[in-house]
Amino acid sequence: MRRLLLSVGLVALVIGLLWIGQGTGVVAWPPGSFMIKEIHWALYGAVLSAIGLILIWQSQR
């Protein structure tokens, strides 16, 4: 169970950080993405990253 929480948490964190980067326009990959410079995607990414951090934290307990 701990490995599952850690794995899901890491994936959620990485995807959330990507969404933050795309939503703020820092990451323009892939070039045709509809998420680039759309600030609401940065907010979704922040929420997903927070969930990922919580899962990682729970896996260490």
PDB file of N, CA and C in Angstrom:
ATOM      1  N   MET A   1       0.822  -1.190   0.000  1.00  0.00           N
ATOM      2  CA  MET A   1       0.000   0.000   0.000  1.00  0.00           C
ATOM      3  C   MET A   1       0.875   1.266   0.000  1.00  0.00           C
ATOM      4  N   ARG A   2       1.999   1.197   0.718  1.00  0.00           N
ATOM      5  CA  ARG A   2       2.868   2.365   0.793  1.00  0.00           C
ATOM      6  C   ARG A   2       3.465   2.700  -0.565  1.00  0.00           C
ATOM      7  N   ARG A   3       3.860   1.679  -1.299  1.00  0.00           N
ATOM      8  CA  ARG A   3       4.438   1.909  -2.625  1.00  0.00           C
ATOM      9  C   ARG A   3       3.406   2.485  -3.582  1.00  0.00           C
ATOM     10  N   LEU A   4       2.179   2.024  -3.472  1.00  0.00           N
ATOM     11  CA  LEU A   4       1.113   2.543  -4.323  1.00  0.00           C
ATOM     12  C   LEU A   4       0.865   4.023  -4.030  1.00  0.00           C
ATOM     13  N   LEU A   5       0.774   4.372  -2.756  1.00  0.00           N
ATOM     14  CA  LEU A   5       0.584   5.772  -2.380  1.00  0.00           C
ATOM     15  C   LEU A   5       1.740   6.631  -2.879  1.00  0.00           C
ATOM     16  N   LEU A   6       2.945   6.137  -2.712  1.00  0.00           N
ATOM     17  CA  LEU A   6       4.117   6.882  -3.155  1.00  0.00           C
ATOM     18  C   LEU A   6       4.117   7.052  -4.669  1.00  0.00           C
ATOM     19  N   SER A   7       3.830   5.997  -5.391  1.00  0.00           N
ATOM     20  CA  SER A   7       3.823   6.057  -6.859  1.00  0.00           C
ATOM     21  C   SER A   7       2.755   7.016  -7.380  1.00  0.00           C
ATOM     22  N   VAL A   8       1.550   6.885  -6.866  1.00  0.00           N
ATOM     23  CA  VAL A   8       0.460   7.763  -7.300  1.00  0.00           C
ATOM     24  C   VAL A   8       0.763   9.207  -6.909  1.00  0.00           C
ATOM     25  N   GLY A   9       1.316   9.397  -5.724  1.00  0.00           N
ATOM     26  CA  GLY A   9       1.672  10.739  -5.267  1.00  0.00           C
ATOM     27  C   GLY A   9       2.727  11.385  -6.151  1.00  0.00           C
ATOM     28  N   LEU A  10       3.740  10.634  -6.523  1.00  0.00           N
ATOM     29  CA  LEU A  10       4.791  11.175  -7.392  1.00  0.00           C
ATOM     30  C   LEU A  10       4.252  11.526  -8.774  1.00  0.00           C
ATOM     31  N   VAL A  11       3.417  10.661  -9.319  1.00  0.00           N
ATOM     32  CA  VAL A  11       2.822  10.937 -10.634  1.00  0.00           C
ATOM     33  C   VAL A  11       1.942  12.187 -10.560  1.00  0.00           C
ATOM     34  N   ALA A  12       1.126  12.286  -9.512  1.00  0.00           N
ATOM     35  CA  ALA A  12       0.262  13.461  -9.347  1.00  0.00           C
ATOM     36  C   ALA A  12       1.090  14.733  -9.194  1.00  0.00           C
ATOM     37  N   LEU A  13       2.174  14.664  -8.456  1.00  0.00           N
ATOM     38  CA  LEU A  13       3.037  15.826  -8.260  1.00  0.00           C
ATOM     39  C   LEU A  13       3.665  16.276  -9.582  1.00  0.00           C
ATOM     40  N   VAL A  14       4.190  15.338 -10.343  1.00  0.00           N
ATOM     41  CA  VAL A  14       4.841  15.683 -11.610  1.00  0.00           C
ATOM     42  C   VAL A  14       3.829  16.260 -12.607  1.00  0.00           C
ATOM     43  N   ILE A  15       2.676  15.633 -12.716  1.00  0.00           N
ATOM     44  CA  ILE A  15       1.653  16.141 -13.638  1.00  0.00           C
ATOM     45  C   ILE A  15       1.165  17.514 -13.180  1.00  0.00           C
ATOM     46  N   GLY A  16       0.976  17.682 -11.875  1.00  0.00           N
ATOM     47  CA  GLY A  16       0.553  18.973 -11.352  1.00  0.00           C
ATOM     48  C   GLY A  16       1.556  20.071 -11.637  1.00  0.00           C
ATOM     49  N   LEU A  17       2.842  19.760 -11.489  1.00  0.00           N
ATOM     50  CA  LEU A  17       3.876  20.757 -11.789  1.00  0.00           C
ATOM     51  C   LEU A  17       3.901  21.097 -13.282  1.00  0.00           C
ATOM     52  N   LEU A  18       3.680  20.102 -14.130  1.00  0.00           N
ATOM     53  CA  LEU A  18       3.602  20.349 -15.567  1.00  0.00           C
ATOM     54  C   LEU A  18       2.425  21.271 -15.881  1.00  0.00           C
ATOM     55  N   TRP A  19       1.280  21.005 -15.269  1.00  0.00           N
ATOM     56  CA  TRP A  19       0.097  21.844 -15.494  1.00  0.00           C
ATOM     57  C   TRP A  19       0.331  23.270 -15.010  1.00  0.00           C
ATOM     58  N   ILE A  20       1.029  23.417 -13.889  1.00  0.00           N
ATOM     59  CA  ILE A  20       1.352  24.761 -13.400  1.00  0.00           C
ATOM     60  C   ILE A  20       2.237  25.474 -14.418  1.00  0.00           C
ATOM     61  N   GLY A  21       3.247  24.774 -14.909  1.00  0.00           N
ATOM     62  CA  GLY A  21       4.144  25.363 -15.899  1.00  0.00           C
ATOM     63  C   GLY A  21       3.429  25.744 -17.183  1.00  0.00           C
ATOM     64  N   GLN A  22       2.557  24.878 -17.652  1.00  0.00           N
ATOM     65  CA  GLN A  22       1.819  25.184 -18.875  1.00  0.00           C
ATOM     66  C   GLN A  22       0.817  26.317 -18.645  1.00  0.00           C
ATOM     67  N   GLY A  23       0.131  26.277 -17.535  1.00  0.00           N
ATOM     68  CA  GLY A  23      -0.881  27.302 -17.256  1.00  0.00           C
ATOM     69  C   GLY A  23      -0.298  28.693 -17.099  1.00  0.00           C
ATOM     70  N   THR A  24       0.918  28.780 -16.575  1.00  0.00           N
ATOM     71  CA  THR A  24       1.566  30.079 -16.415  1.00  0.00           C
ATOM     72  C   THR A  24       2.356  30.491 -17.656  1.00  0.00           C
ATOM     73  N   GLY A  25       2.524  29.578 -18.597  1.00  0.00           N
ATOM     74  CA  GLY A  25       3.250  29.877 -19.818  1.00  0.00           C
ATOM     75  C   GLY A  25       4.743  29.634 -19.717  1.00  0.00           C
ATOM     76  N   VAL A  26       5.213  29.091 -18.597  1.00  0.00           N
ATOM     77  CA  VAL A  26       6.636  28.808 -18.422  1.00  0.00           C
ATOM     78  C   VAL A  26       7.044  27.613 -19.278  1.00  0.00           C
ATOM     79  N   VAL A  27       6.180  26.621 -19.345  1.00  0.00           N
ATOM     80  CA  VAL A  27       6.447  25.418 -20.138  1.00  0.00           C
ATOM     81  C   VAL A  27       5.527  25.459 -21.358  1.00  0.00           C
ATOM     82  N   ALA A  28       6.110  25.539 -22.529  1.00  0.00           N
ATOM     83  CA  ALA A  28       5.316  25.590 -23.765  1.00  0.00           C
ATOM     84  C   ALA A  28       5.432  24.266 -24.511  1.00  0.00           C
ATOM     85  N   TRP A  29       5.253  23.190 -23.798  1.00  0.00           N
ATOM     86  CA  TRP A  29       5.349  21.859 -24.394  1.00  0.00           C
ATOM     87  C   TRP A  29       4.092  21.076 -24.091  1.00  0.00           C
ATOM     88  N   PRO A  30       3.511  20.410 -25.004  1.00  0.00           N
ATOM     89  CA  PRO A  30       3.739  20.454 -26.448  1.00  0.00           C
ATOM     90  C   PRO A  30       3.262  21.783 -27.024  1.00  0.00           C
ATOM     91  N   PRO A  31       3.848  22.204 -28.135  1.00  0.00           N
ATOM     92  CA  PRO A  31       3.577  23.548 -28.656  1.00  0.00           C
ATOM     93  C   PRO A  31       2.098  23.846 -28.932  1.00  0.00           C
ATOM     94  N   GLY A  32       1.331  22.869 -29.327  1.00  0.00           N
ATOM     95  CA  GLY A  32      -0.072  23.104 -29.670  1.00  0.00           C
ATOM     96  C   GLY A  32      -1.041  22.876 -28.528  1.00  0.00           C
ATOM     97  N   SER A  33      -0.542  22.796 -27.313  1.00  0.00           N
ATOM     98  CA  SER A  33      -1.408  22.485 -26.174  1.00  0.00           C
ATOM     99  C   SER A  33      -2.387  23.617 -25.891  1.00  0.00           C
ATOM    100  N   PHE A  34      -3.611  23.244 -25.599  1.00  0.00           N
ATOM    101  CA  PHE A  34      -4.652  24.223 -25.266  1.00  0.00           C
ATOM    102  C   PHE A  34      -4.488  24.770 -23.850  1.00  0.00           C
ATOM    103  N   MET A  35      -3.566  24.205 -23.074  1.00  0.00           N
ATOM    104  CA  MET A  35      -3.394  24.597 -21.674  1.00  0.00           C
ATOM    105  C   MET A  35      -2.392  25.743 -21.495  1.00  0.00           C
ATOM    106  N   ILE A  36      -1.644  26.078 -22.526  1.00  0.00           N
ATOM    107  CA  ILE A  36      -0.580  27.070 -22.409  1.00  0.00           C
ATOM    108  C   ILE A  36      -1.179  28.453 -22.193  1.00  0.00           C
ATOM    109  N   LYS A  37      -0.701  29.113 -21.142  1.00  0.00           N
ATOM    110  CA  LYS A  37      -1.124  30.460 -20.745  1.00  0.00           C
ATOM    111  C   LYS A  37      -2.612  30.529 -20.393  1.00  0.00           C
ATOM    112  N   GLU A  38      -3.151  29.462 -19.867  1.00  0.00           N
ATOM    113  CA  GLU A  38      -4.520  29.432 -19.344  1.00  0.00           C
ATOM    114  C   GLU A  38      -4.407  29.250 -17.836  1.00  0.00           C
ATOM    115  N   ILE A  39      -4.566  30.335 -17.100  1.00  0.00           N
ATOM    116  CA  ILE A  39      -4.241  30.348 -15.673  1.00  0.00           C
ATOM    117  C   ILE A  39      -5.060  29.340 -14.855  1.00  0.00           C
ATOM    118  N   HIS A  40      -6.255  29.013 -15.295  1.00  0.00           N
ATOM    119  CA  HIS A  40      -7.037  28.038 -14.517  1.00  0.00           C
ATOM    120  C   HIS A  40      -6.357  26.672 -14.498  1.00  0.00           C
ATOM    121  N   TRP A  41      -5.554  26.352 -15.519  1.00  0.00           N
ATOM    122  CA  TRP A  41      -4.809  25.087 -15.500  1.00  0.00           C
ATOM    123  C   TRP A  41      -3.697  25.123 -14.463  1.00  0.00           C
ATOM    124  N   ALA A  42      -3.147  26.306 -14.212  1.00  0.00           N
ATOM    125  CA  ALA A  42      -2.147  26.437 -13.145  1.00  0.00           C
ATOM    126  C   ALA A  42      -2.805  26.172 -11.791  1.00  0.00           C
ATOM    127  N   LEU A  43      -4.031  26.610 -11.620  1.00  0.00           N
ATOM    128  CA  LEU A  43      -4.751  26.359 -10.365  1.00  0.00           C
ATOM    129  C   LEU A  43      -5.060  24.870 -10.203  1.00  0.00           C
ATOM    130  N   TYR A  44      -5.501  24.233 -11.283  1.00  0.00           N
ATOM    131  CA  TYR A  44      -5.742  22.787 -11.230  1.00  0.00           C
ATOM    132  C   TYR A  44      -4.446  22.045 -10.902  1.00  0.00           C
ATOM    133  N   GLY A  45      -3.355  22.509 -11.476  1.00  0.00           N
ATOM    134  CA  GLY A  45      -2.054  21.901 -11.205  1.00  0.00           C
ATOM    135  C   GLY A  45      -1.634  22.063  -9.762  1.00  0.00           C
ATOM    136  N   ALA A  46      -1.920  23.219  -9.181  1.00  0.00           N
ATOM    137  CA  ALA A  46      -1.590  23.441  -7.774  1.00  0.00           C
ATOM    138  C   ALA A  46      -2.374  22.493  -6.874  1.00  0.00           C
ATOM    139  N   VAL A  47      -3.636  22.301  -7.177  1.00  0.00           N
ATOM    140  CA  VAL A  47      -4.462  21.370  -6.395  1.00  0.00           C
ATOM    141  C   VAL A  47      -3.945  19.944  -6.555  1.00  0.00           C
ATOM    142  N   LEU A  48      -3.650  19.546  -7.778  1.00  0.00           N
ATOM    143  CA  LEU A  48      -3.151  18.185  -8.026  1.00  0.00           C
ATOM    144  C   LEU A  48      -1.795  17.974  -7.358  1.00  0.00           C
ATOM    145  N   SER A  49      -0.933  18.983  -7.393  1.00  0.00           N
ATOM    146  CA  SER A  49       0.370  18.882  -6.732  1.00  0.00           C
ATOM    147  C   SER A  49       0.206  18.737  -5.222  1.00  0.00           C
ATOM    148  N   ALA A  50      -0.729  19.480  -4.658  1.00  0.00           N
ATOM    149  CA  ALA A  50      -0.980  19.378  -3.221  1.00  0.00           C
ATOM    150  C   ALA A  50      -1.477  17.984  -2.857  1.00  0.00           C
ATOM    151  N   ILE A  51      -2.355  17.440  -3.666  1.00  0.00           N
ATOM    152  CA  ILE A  51      -2.834  16.072  -3.427  1.00  0.00           C
ATOM    153  C   ILE A  51      -1.676  15.095  -3.522  1.00  0.00           C
ATOM    154  N   GLY A  52      -0.812  15.278  -4.502  1.00  0.00           N
ATOM    155  CA  GLY A  52       0.366  14.425  -4.653  1.00  0.00           C
ATOM    156  C   GLY A  52       1.265  14.486  -3.432  1.00  0.00           C
ATOM    157  N   LEU A  53       1.493  15.694  -2.920  1.00  0.00           N
ATOM    158  CA  LEU A  53       2.325  15.839  -1.719  1.00  0.00           C
ATOM    159  C   LEU A  53       1.691  15.161  -0.510  1.00  0.00           C
ATOM    160  N   ILE A  54       0.389  15.268  -0.387  1.00  0.00           N
ATOM    161  CA  ILE A  54      -0.310  14.604   0.724  1.00  0.00           C
ATOM    162  C   ILE A  54      -0.162  13.099   0.614  1.00  0.00           C
ATOM    163  N   LEU A  55      -0.306  12.559  -0.595  1.00  0.00           N
ATOM    164  CA  LEU A  55      -0.152  11.110  -0.780  1.00  0.00           C
ATOM    165  C   LEU A  55       1.276  10.661  -0.473  1.00  0.00           C
ATOM    166  N   ILE A  56       2.254  11.451  -0.911  1.00  0.00           N
ATOM    167  CA  ILE A  56       3.647  11.114  -0.601  1.00  0.00           C
ATOM    168  C   ILE A  56       3.880  11.144   0.904  1.00  0.00           C
ATOM    169  N   TRP A  57       3.360  12.162   1.559  1.00  0.00           N
ATOM    170  CA  TRP A  57       3.490  12.280   3.013  1.00  0.00           C
ATOM    171  C   TRP A  57       2.837  11.089   3.719  1.00  0.00           C
ATOM    172  N   GLN A  58       1.658  10.699   3.256  1.00  0.00           N
ATOM    173  CA  GLN A  58       0.957   9.562   3.865  1.00  0.00           C
ATOM    174  C   GLN A  58       1.710   8.255   3.644  1.00  0.00           C
ATOM    175  N   SER A  59       2.412   8.150   2.534  1.00  0.00           N
ATOM    176  CA  SER A  59       3.152   6.913   2.272  1.00  0.00           C
ATOM    177  C   SER A  59       4.350   6.761   3.200  1.00  0.00           C
ATOM    178  N   GLN A  60       4.816   7.867   3.775  1.00  0.00           N
ATOM    179  CA  GLN A  60       5.967   7.832   4.661  1.00  0.00           C
ATOM    180  C   GLN A  60       5.592   7.598   6.117  1.00  0.00           C
ATOM    181  N   ARG A  61       4.332   7.604   6.442  1.00  0.00           N
ATOM    182  CA  ARG A  61       3.876   7.441   7.823  1.00  0.00           C
ATOM    183  C   ARG A  61       3.705   5.987   8.168  1.00  0.00           C
TER     184      ARG A  61
END
